[in-house]
Every structure is written in C-alpha cells, then in structure tokens.
C-alpha cells in the first residue's frame, strides 16, 4: 500500500519516475512537504497529489485510536480510502485477523460497483 514508512524522503528519488517513488512521495507527505513543492519535484498532477495527501492525513489520524477504541465510522472511512486490514492493524497495533473480525462485526464488507460500459 501507500505506506510512508517504507522509504525515506529523497528529492532525487521524487524527481525520477520509478516503481519506488510512491513510497518516497508518501514519506514526503508525512513529513509535511507541500503539494506545490511535490508538484515541482514530481510533476504528478495536483489532483492525484491531493488524493495521496488525504490518505497520509488519515494515516496520521489512525494511531490516535487502538483496537479497543476504533469506531465503525473510523474503520469504514479507512476502508473507503483504501486501507487494507493489514495496514489498519499495523497502525492501531492489532492483528489483521482482529481487524477483519471487527470489520465484519461492524458490517463493513467489500462490494463492487458495476458499470454498464455498453449502455446506449
């Protein structure tokens, strides 16, 4: 996932489009780099940078809760943003199985929206 703890911030790595750049980008957002500075370094569209920032902002919010205090709303928002059960577990110091069980207790289940691509 988009984990800010995998790589350290390195502006040279931000400039070069590689398969590891997203992790450096996550670390930079966590360290407080502005969207404008990141745009200047990466030339990644600001819309995408804003979406990445939303993920990191929520990532920073999650450690304020733990497996005993996480609410249905917090868990649901984390899932909507795209966090895996494993990522949530690591952030709230729990296990993936415990998060999955909690998610199921809260009735938070995955679903797929189908879009009719051949509609007239």
N, C-alpha and C. Protein backbone atom coordinates (compact mmCIF):
# COMPACT_ATOMS: atom_id res chain seq x y z
N UNK A 1 0.80 -1.19 0.00
CA UNK A 1 0.00 0.00 0.00
C UNK A 1 0.85 1.26 0.00
N UNK A 2 0.18 2.34 0.13
CA UNK A 2 0.80 3.67 0.10
C UNK A 2 1.31 3.98 1.51
N UNK A 3 2.40 3.33 1.90
CA UNK A 3 2.91 3.39 3.27
C UNK A 3 4.07 4.38 3.38
N UNK A 4 3.95 5.38 4.27
CA UNK A 4 5.00 6.38 4.39
C UNK A 4 6.23 5.93 5.17
N UNK A 5 6.22 4.71 5.65
CA UNK A 5 7.35 4.23 6.46
C UNK A 5 8.28 3.30 5.70
N UNK A 6 8.01 3.06 4.44
CA UNK A 6 8.83 2.12 3.67
C UNK A 6 10.14 2.75 3.21
N UNK A 7 10.07 3.99 2.73
CA UNK A 7 11.25 4.69 2.22
C UNK A 7 11.41 6.02 2.93
N UNK A 8 12.62 6.54 2.90
CA UNK A 8 12.91 7.87 3.44
C UNK A 8 12.75 8.91 2.32
N UNK A 9 12.53 10.15 2.72
CA UNK A 9 12.40 11.22 1.73
C UNK A 9 13.75 11.45 1.06
N UNK A 10 13.70 11.50 -0.26
CA UNK A 10 14.89 11.76 -1.06
C UNK A 10 14.40 12.50 -2.30
N UNK A 11 14.76 13.76 -2.41
CA UNK A 11 14.23 14.57 -3.51
C UNK A 11 14.69 14.08 -4.88
N UNK A 12 15.86 13.47 -4.96
CA UNK A 12 16.29 12.90 -6.24
C UNK A 12 15.37 11.76 -6.65
N UNK A 13 14.97 10.95 -5.67
CA UNK A 13 14.05 9.85 -5.97
C UNK A 13 12.65 10.35 -6.32
N UNK A 14 12.28 11.51 -5.79
CA UNK A 14 10.99 12.10 -6.15
C UNK A 14 10.99 12.57 -7.60
N UNK A 15 12.12 13.05 -8.07
CA UNK A 15 12.22 13.57 -9.44
C UNK A 15 12.16 12.45 -10.48
N UNK A 16 12.69 11.29 -10.14
CA UNK A 16 12.78 10.18 -11.09
C UNK A 16 11.58 9.24 -10.97
N UNK A 17 10.85 9.04 -12.06
CA UNK A 17 9.71 8.12 -12.01
C UNK A 17 10.17 6.66 -11.96
N UNK A 18 10.07 6.07 -10.79
CA UNK A 18 10.44 4.67 -10.61
C UNK A 18 9.32 3.95 -9.87
N UNK A 19 9.48 2.65 -9.74
CA UNK A 19 8.47 1.87 -9.03
C UNK A 19 8.50 2.13 -7.52
N UNK A 20 9.52 2.79 -7.02
CA UNK A 20 9.63 3.08 -5.58
C UNK A 20 9.23 4.51 -5.24
N UNK A 21 8.99 5.33 -6.25
CA UNK A 21 8.73 6.75 -6.00
C UNK A 21 7.49 6.98 -5.14
N UNK A 22 6.47 6.16 -5.28
CA UNK A 22 5.26 6.39 -4.50
C UNK A 22 5.52 6.29 -2.99
N UNK A 23 6.48 5.45 -2.61
CA UNK A 23 6.79 5.32 -1.19
C UNK A 23 7.55 6.54 -0.67
N UNK A 24 8.41 7.09 -1.52
CA UNK A 24 9.12 8.32 -1.17
C UNK A 24 8.13 9.48 -1.10
N UNK A 25 7.18 9.49 -2.02
CA UNK A 25 6.12 10.50 -2.02
C UNK A 25 5.31 10.43 -0.72
N UNK A 26 4.97 9.23 -0.30
CA UNK A 26 4.22 9.05 0.94
C UNK A 26 5.02 9.58 2.13
N UNK A 27 6.31 9.28 2.16
CA UNK A 27 7.16 9.77 3.25
C UNK A 27 7.25 11.29 3.24
N UNK A 28 7.33 11.87 2.05
CA UNK A 28 7.41 13.33 1.93
C UNK A 28 6.12 13.98 2.43
N UNK A 29 4.99 13.40 2.08
CA UNK A 29 3.72 13.94 2.57
C UNK A 29 3.62 13.83 4.08
N UNK A 30 4.09 12.72 4.62
CA UNK A 30 4.06 12.53 6.07
C UNK A 30 4.95 13.56 6.77
N UNK A 31 6.05 13.92 6.12
CA UNK A 31 6.96 14.92 6.70
C UNK A 31 6.48 16.35 6.49
N UNK A 32 5.38 16.51 5.77
CA UNK A 32 4.81 17.85 5.62
C UNK A 32 5.19 18.61 4.38
N UNK A 33 5.73 17.94 3.38
CA UNK A 33 6.01 18.62 2.11
C UNK A 33 4.70 19.19 1.56
N UNK A 34 4.76 20.38 1.02
CA UNK A 34 3.56 20.98 0.43
C UNK A 34 3.26 20.33 -0.91
N UNK A 35 2.00 20.42 -1.31
CA UNK A 35 1.60 19.88 -2.61
C UNK A 35 2.32 20.60 -3.74
N UNK A 36 2.53 21.90 -3.57
CA UNK A 36 3.23 22.67 -4.60
C UNK A 36 4.68 22.21 -4.76
N UNK A 37 5.34 21.98 -3.64
CA UNK A 37 6.73 21.51 -3.71
C UNK A 37 6.78 20.13 -4.35
N UNK A 38 5.85 19.27 -3.98
CA UNK A 38 5.83 17.93 -4.56
C UNK A 38 5.51 17.97 -6.05
N UNK A 39 4.63 18.88 -6.43
CA UNK A 39 4.33 19.03 -7.86
C UNK A 39 5.59 19.49 -8.61
N UNK A 40 6.30 20.43 -8.04
CA UNK A 40 7.52 20.94 -8.68
C UNK A 40 8.56 19.83 -8.84
N UNK A 41 8.63 18.95 -7.86
CA UNK A 41 9.62 17.86 -7.91
C UNK A 41 9.18 16.71 -8.82
N UNK A 42 7.89 16.37 -8.76
CA UNK A 42 7.43 15.15 -9.43
C UNK A 42 6.69 15.37 -10.74
N UNK A 43 6.07 16.52 -10.87
CA UNK A 43 5.18 16.83 -12.00
C UNK A 43 3.96 15.90 -12.02
N UNK A 44 3.66 15.29 -10.88
CA UNK A 44 2.44 14.48 -10.75
C UNK A 44 1.28 15.46 -10.63
N UNK A 45 0.21 15.20 -11.33
CA UNK A 45 -0.97 16.07 -11.32
C UNK A 45 -1.39 16.39 -9.89
N UNK A 46 -1.72 17.65 -9.66
CA UNK A 46 -2.10 18.11 -8.32
C UNK A 46 -3.31 17.35 -7.77
N UNK A 47 -4.22 16.97 -8.64
CA UNK A 47 -5.40 16.22 -8.21
C UNK A 47 -4.98 14.91 -7.53
N UNK A 48 -4.03 14.20 -8.16
CA UNK A 48 -3.54 12.95 -7.58
C UNK A 48 -2.76 13.22 -6.29
N UNK A 49 -1.97 14.27 -6.29
CA UNK A 49 -1.22 14.60 -5.08
C UNK A 49 -2.17 14.87 -3.91
N UNK A 50 -3.27 15.55 -4.20
CA UNK A 50 -4.27 15.83 -3.16
C UNK A 50 -4.87 14.53 -2.62
N UNK A 51 -5.14 13.58 -3.50
CA UNK A 51 -5.69 12.28 -3.08
C UNK A 51 -4.68 11.53 -2.22
N UNK A 52 -3.42 11.56 -2.63
CA UNK A 52 -2.37 10.92 -1.83
C UNK A 52 -2.27 11.59 -0.46
N UNK A 53 -2.37 12.90 -0.43
CA UNK A 53 -2.30 13.64 0.83
C UNK A 53 -3.44 13.23 1.76
N UNK A 54 -4.63 13.05 1.20
CA UNK A 54 -5.77 12.62 2.02
C UNK A 54 -5.49 11.28 2.69
N UNK A 55 -4.85 10.38 1.97
CA UNK A 55 -4.51 9.07 2.53
C UNK A 55 -3.53 9.24 3.69
N UNK A 56 -2.49 10.03 3.48
CA UNK A 56 -1.47 10.21 4.52
C UNK A 56 -2.05 10.95 5.72
N UNK A 57 -2.91 11.93 5.47
CA UNK A 57 -3.54 12.64 6.59
C UNK A 57 -4.34 11.66 7.45
N UNK A 58 -5.05 10.76 6.82
CA UNK A 58 -5.83 9.78 7.58
C UNK A 58 -4.90 8.77 8.24
N UNK A 59 -3.82 8.44 7.57
CA UNK A 59 -2.83 7.52 8.12
C UNK A 59 -2.27 8.07 9.44
N UNK A 60 -2.07 9.39 9.48
CA UNK A 60 -1.56 10.02 10.69
C UNK A 60 -2.63 10.07 11.79
N UNK A 61 -3.89 10.04 11.40
CA UNK A 61 -5.01 10.10 12.35
C UNK A 61 -5.23 8.75 13.04
N UNK A 62 -4.97 7.67 12.35
CA UNK A 62 -5.27 6.34 12.89
C UNK A 62 -4.54 5.97 14.19
N UNK A 63 -3.29 6.35 14.39
CA UNK A 63 -2.64 5.95 15.65
C UNK A 63 -3.29 6.53 16.90
N UNK A 64 -4.18 7.50 16.74
CA UNK A 64 -4.88 8.06 17.90
C UNK A 64 -5.90 7.07 18.47
N UNK A 65 -6.19 6.03 17.71
CA UNK A 65 -7.13 5.01 18.19
C UNK A 65 -6.40 3.68 18.30
N UNK A 66 -7.00 2.76 19.02
CA UNK A 66 -6.45 1.41 19.08
C UNK A 66 -7.57 0.42 18.85
N UNK A 67 -7.27 -0.85 18.97
CA UNK A 67 -8.27 -1.87 18.65
C UNK A 67 -9.47 -1.82 19.59
N UNK A 68 -9.31 -1.20 20.75
CA UNK A 68 -10.43 -1.09 21.69
C UNK A 68 -11.27 0.16 21.47
N UNK A 69 -10.69 1.17 20.84
CA UNK A 69 -11.41 2.44 20.71
C UNK A 69 -11.79 2.78 19.27
N UNK A 70 -11.38 1.97 18.32
CA UNK A 70 -11.72 2.28 16.93
C UNK A 70 -13.23 2.13 16.73
N UNK A 71 -13.80 3.10 16.07
CA UNK A 71 -15.25 3.08 15.84
C UNK A 71 -15.56 2.57 14.44
N UNK A 72 -16.81 2.26 14.24
CA UNK A 72 -17.27 1.82 12.93
C UNK A 72 -16.99 2.89 11.88
N UNK A 73 -17.20 4.15 12.24
CA UNK A 73 -17.01 5.25 11.28
C UNK A 73 -15.54 5.38 10.87
N UNK A 74 -14.65 5.28 11.84
CA UNK A 74 -13.21 5.39 11.54
C UNK A 74 -12.77 4.24 10.65
N UNK A 75 -13.21 3.04 11.00
CA UNK A 75 -12.84 1.86 10.22
C UNK A 75 -13.42 1.93 8.80
N UNK A 76 -14.66 2.36 8.71
CA UNK A 76 -15.31 2.46 7.39
C UNK A 76 -14.59 3.48 6.51
N UNK A 77 -14.23 4.62 7.09
CA UNK A 77 -13.54 5.64 6.30
C UNK A 77 -12.17 5.13 5.84
N UNK A 78 -11.47 4.44 6.73
CA UNK A 78 -10.16 3.89 6.36
C UNK A 78 -10.30 2.92 5.19
N UNK A 79 -11.32 2.10 5.23
CA UNK A 79 -11.55 1.14 4.15
C UNK A 79 -11.93 1.86 2.86
N UNK A 80 -12.77 2.90 2.97
CA UNK A 80 -13.17 3.66 1.77
C UNK A 80 -11.97 4.33 1.12
N UNK A 81 -11.06 4.82 1.94
CA UNK A 81 -9.86 5.48 1.41
C UNK A 81 -8.96 4.46 0.72
N UNK A 82 -9.03 3.21 1.17
CA UNK A 82 -8.24 2.18 0.51
C UNK A 82 -7.28 1.42 1.40
N UNK A 83 -7.39 1.61 2.70
CA UNK A 83 -6.51 0.89 3.62
C UNK A 83 -6.88 -0.58 3.66
N UNK A 84 -5.87 -1.43 3.67
CA UNK A 84 -6.11 -2.86 3.83
C UNK A 84 -6.27 -3.16 5.32
N UNK A 85 -6.83 -4.31 5.62
CA UNK A 85 -6.95 -4.71 7.03
C UNK A 85 -5.56 -4.78 7.67
N UNK A 86 -4.59 -5.23 6.90
CA UNK A 86 -3.21 -5.35 7.41
C UNK A 86 -2.64 -3.98 7.77
N UNK A 87 -2.87 -2.98 6.91
CA UNK A 87 -2.38 -1.62 7.19
C UNK A 87 -3.05 -1.04 8.43
N UNK A 88 -4.34 -1.24 8.53
CA UNK A 88 -5.07 -0.72 9.70
C UNK A 88 -4.55 -1.40 10.96
N UNK A 89 -4.36 -2.70 10.89
CA UNK A 89 -3.86 -3.45 12.05
C UNK A 89 -2.50 -2.93 12.51
N UNK A 90 -1.61 -2.70 11.57
CA UNK A 90 -0.28 -2.21 11.93
C UNK A 90 -0.36 -0.84 12.58
N UNK A 91 -1.26 -0.01 12.08
CA UNK A 91 -1.38 1.35 12.59
C UNK A 91 -2.01 1.40 13.97
N UNK A 92 -2.98 0.53 14.23
CA UNK A 92 -3.65 0.56 15.54
C UNK A 92 -3.09 -0.50 16.49
N UNK A 93 -1.97 -1.09 16.09
CA UNK A 93 -1.28 -2.09 16.91
C UNK A 93 -2.19 -3.28 17.25
N UNK A 94 -2.68 -3.89 16.20
CA UNK A 94 -3.55 -5.05 16.33
C UNK A 94 -3.10 -6.08 15.30
N UNK A 95 -3.96 -7.05 15.03
CA UNK A 95 -3.64 -8.04 14.00
C UNK A 95 -4.62 -7.92 12.85
N UNK A 96 -4.20 -8.41 11.71
CA UNK A 96 -5.06 -8.37 10.53
C UNK A 96 -6.35 -9.16 10.78
N UNK A 97 -6.23 -10.29 11.43
CA UNK A 97 -7.41 -11.12 11.72
C UNK A 97 -8.37 -10.38 12.65
N UNK A 98 -7.83 -9.69 13.65
CA UNK A 98 -8.68 -8.94 14.59
C UNK A 98 -9.40 -7.80 13.87
N UNK A 99 -8.70 -7.12 12.98
CA UNK A 99 -9.33 -6.03 12.23
C UNK A 99 -10.41 -6.58 11.31
N UNK A 100 -10.14 -7.69 10.65
CA UNK A 100 -11.14 -8.30 9.77
C UNK A 100 -12.39 -8.69 10.57
N UNK A 101 -12.16 -9.28 11.74
CA UNK A 101 -13.28 -9.69 12.59
C UNK A 101 -14.09 -8.47 13.03
N UNK A 102 -13.40 -7.42 13.43
CA UNK A 102 -14.06 -6.19 13.85
C UNK A 102 -14.85 -5.58 12.70
N UNK A 103 -14.23 -5.57 11.53
CA UNK A 103 -14.90 -5.04 10.34
C UNK A 103 -16.18 -5.82 10.05
N UNK A 104 -16.10 -7.13 10.17
CA UNK A 104 -17.28 -7.97 9.93
C UNK A 104 -18.35 -7.72 11.00
N UNK A 105 -17.92 -7.52 12.25
CA UNK A 105 -18.88 -7.21 13.32
C UNK A 105 -19.60 -5.89 13.05
N UNK A 106 -18.87 -4.94 12.48
CA UNK A 106 -19.46 -3.64 12.15
C UNK A 106 -20.27 -3.69 10.85
N UNK A 107 -20.23 -4.82 10.16
CA UNK A 107 -20.97 -4.95 8.91
C UNK A 107 -20.31 -4.22 7.74
N UNK A 108 -19.02 -4.04 7.83
CA UNK A 108 -18.28 -3.37 6.76
C UNK A 108 -17.71 -4.45 5.85
N UNK A 109 -18.36 -4.63 4.72
CA UNK A 109 -17.95 -5.68 3.80
C UNK A 109 -17.63 -5.07 2.43
N UNK A 110 -16.73 -5.71 1.71
CA UNK A 110 -16.39 -5.18 0.39
C UNK A 110 -17.52 -5.38 -0.61
N UNK A 111 -17.59 -4.47 -1.55
CA UNK A 111 -18.55 -4.63 -2.64
C UNK A 111 -17.97 -3.99 -3.89
N UNK A 112 -18.49 -4.40 -5.02
CA UNK A 112 -18.02 -3.89 -6.30
C UNK A 112 -19.18 -3.22 -7.00
N UNK A 113 -18.96 -1.99 -7.41
CA UNK A 113 -19.97 -1.30 -8.21
C UNK A 113 -19.78 -1.72 -9.65
N UNK A 114 -20.86 -2.11 -10.29
CA UNK A 114 -20.76 -2.47 -11.69
C UNK A 114 -21.25 -1.32 -12.55
N UNK A 115 -20.50 -1.08 -13.59
CA UNK A 115 -20.84 -0.01 -14.52
C UNK A 115 -21.12 -0.65 -15.87
N UNK A 116 -22.26 -0.31 -16.43
CA UNK A 116 -22.61 -0.84 -17.74
C UNK A 116 -21.85 -0.04 -18.80
N UNK A 117 -20.82 -0.66 -19.35
CA UNK A 117 -19.97 0.06 -20.31
C UNK A 117 -20.53 0.04 -21.73
N UNK A 118 -21.60 -0.71 -21.94
CA UNK A 118 -22.18 -0.76 -23.29
C UNK A 118 -23.56 -0.11 -23.34
N UNK A 119 -23.89 0.64 -22.32
CA UNK A 119 -25.19 1.31 -22.29
C UNK A 119 -25.26 2.36 -23.39
N UNK A 120 -26.43 2.50 -23.95
CA UNK A 120 -26.61 3.47 -25.05
C UNK A 120 -26.81 4.86 -24.53
